[in-house]
Amino acid sequence: MTHSYAQLAALSKDQLIQEYDRVAGHTEPGLSFIREELWRRDIKEQNERLERMTKHIRLMTAAITILTIINVIALFAAR
């Protein structure tokens, strides 16, 4: 059975997974399905790398801020 866009949008994630599993037993995957799965995995890996990089940038920013404050304090203390 084909769902309209509105019907699909109204389904929960679990319902979509159940529908996918039901339909998958009666279909053959095409090359586009495999290509899209590879693309999805690549995007997931890229997002994970970006999240790690963002954490490192946040730590570096905090460290630079602290060192700048220490430098300014040391500059005024030396006068």
Protein backbone atom coordinates (compact mmCIF):
# COMPACT_ATOMS: atom_id res chain seq x y z
CA MET A 1 0.00 0.00 0.00
CA THR A 2 1.28 3.44 -0.92
CA HIS A 3 1.02 6.22 1.65
CA SER A 4 0.50 9.87 0.86
CA TYR A 5 3.10 12.36 2.01
CA ALA A 6 0.80 13.53 4.80
CA GLN A 7 0.28 9.95 5.98
CA LEU A 8 4.03 9.28 6.02
CA ALA A 9 4.71 12.55 7.84
CA ALA A 10 2.15 11.59 10.52
CA LEU A 11 3.83 8.23 11.27
CA SER A 12 6.22 7.95 14.18
CA LYS A 13 9.78 6.76 13.61
CA ASP A 14 8.91 3.33 15.02
CA GLN A 15 5.89 3.08 12.72
CA LEU A 16 8.04 4.01 9.73
CA ILE A 17 10.57 1.32 10.67
CA GLN A 18 7.78 -1.27 10.96
CA GLU A 19 6.37 -0.22 7.58
CA TYR A 20 9.83 -0.36 6.03
CA ASP A 21 10.45 -3.86 7.40
CA ARG A 22 7.05 -5.02 6.13
CA VAL A 23 7.59 -3.67 2.62
CA ALA A 24 11.26 -4.70 2.43
CA GLY A 25 10.29 -8.38 2.52
CA HIS A 26 8.55 -7.99 -0.84
CA THR A 27 11.01 -5.85 -2.78
CA GLU A 28 14.49 -6.04 -4.28
CA PRO A 29 16.93 -3.25 -3.44
CA GLY A 30 18.23 -1.29 -6.42
CA LEU A 31 21.57 0.35 -6.86
CA SER A 32 20.18 3.71 -5.78
CA PHE A 33 19.14 2.19 -2.44
CA ILE A 34 22.68 0.95 -1.82
CA ARG A 35 24.18 4.24 -3.00
CA GLU A 36 21.88 6.20 -0.67
CA GLU A 37 22.81 3.96 2.26
CA LEU A 38 26.50 4.53 1.57
CA TRP A 39 25.84 8.28 1.35
CA ARG A 40 23.91 8.19 4.64
CA ARG A 41 26.80 6.42 6.37
CA ASP A 42 29.33 8.88 4.95
CA ILE A 43 27.25 11.79 6.22
CA LYS A 44 26.97 10.17 9.65
CA GLU A 45 30.75 9.73 9.85
CA GLN A 46 31.28 13.32 8.72
CA ASN A 47 28.87 14.62 11.37
CA GLU A 48 30.68 12.63 14.07
CA ARG A 49 34.03 14.10 12.96
CA LEU A 50 32.54 17.62 12.97
CA GLU A 51 31.18 17.12 16.49
CA ARG A 52 34.61 16.00 17.72
CA MET A 53 36.27 18.95 15.98
CA THR A 54 33.75 21.35 17.52
CA LYS A 55 34.53 20.01 21.00
CA HIS A 56 38.26 20.52 20.39
CA ILE A 57 37.69 24.05 19.12
CA ARG A 58 35.60 24.85 22.19
CA LEU A 59 38.38 23.57 24.49
CA MET A 60 41.03 25.50 22.57
CA THR A 61 38.94 28.67 22.75
CA ALA A 62 38.55 28.28 26.52
CA ALA A 63 42.29 27.68 26.93
CA ILE A 64 43.20 30.73 24.82
CA THR A 65 40.74 32.88 26.77
CA ILE A 66 42.20 31.78 30.10
CA LEU A 67 45.77 32.34 28.88
CA THR A 68 44.85 35.79 27.56
CA ILE A 69 43.38 36.75 30.93
CA ILE A 70 46.51 35.49 32.69
CA ASN A 71 48.66 37.47 30.25
CA VAL A 72 46.70 40.68 30.86
CA ILE A 73 46.91 40.20 34.64
CA ALA A 74 50.66 39.56 34.39
CA LEU A 75 51.09 42.65 32.22
CA PHE A 76 49.35 44.91 34.73
CA ALA A 77 51.08 43.26 37.69
CA ALA A 78 54.50 43.94 36.11
CA ARG A 79 53.86 47.73 36.00
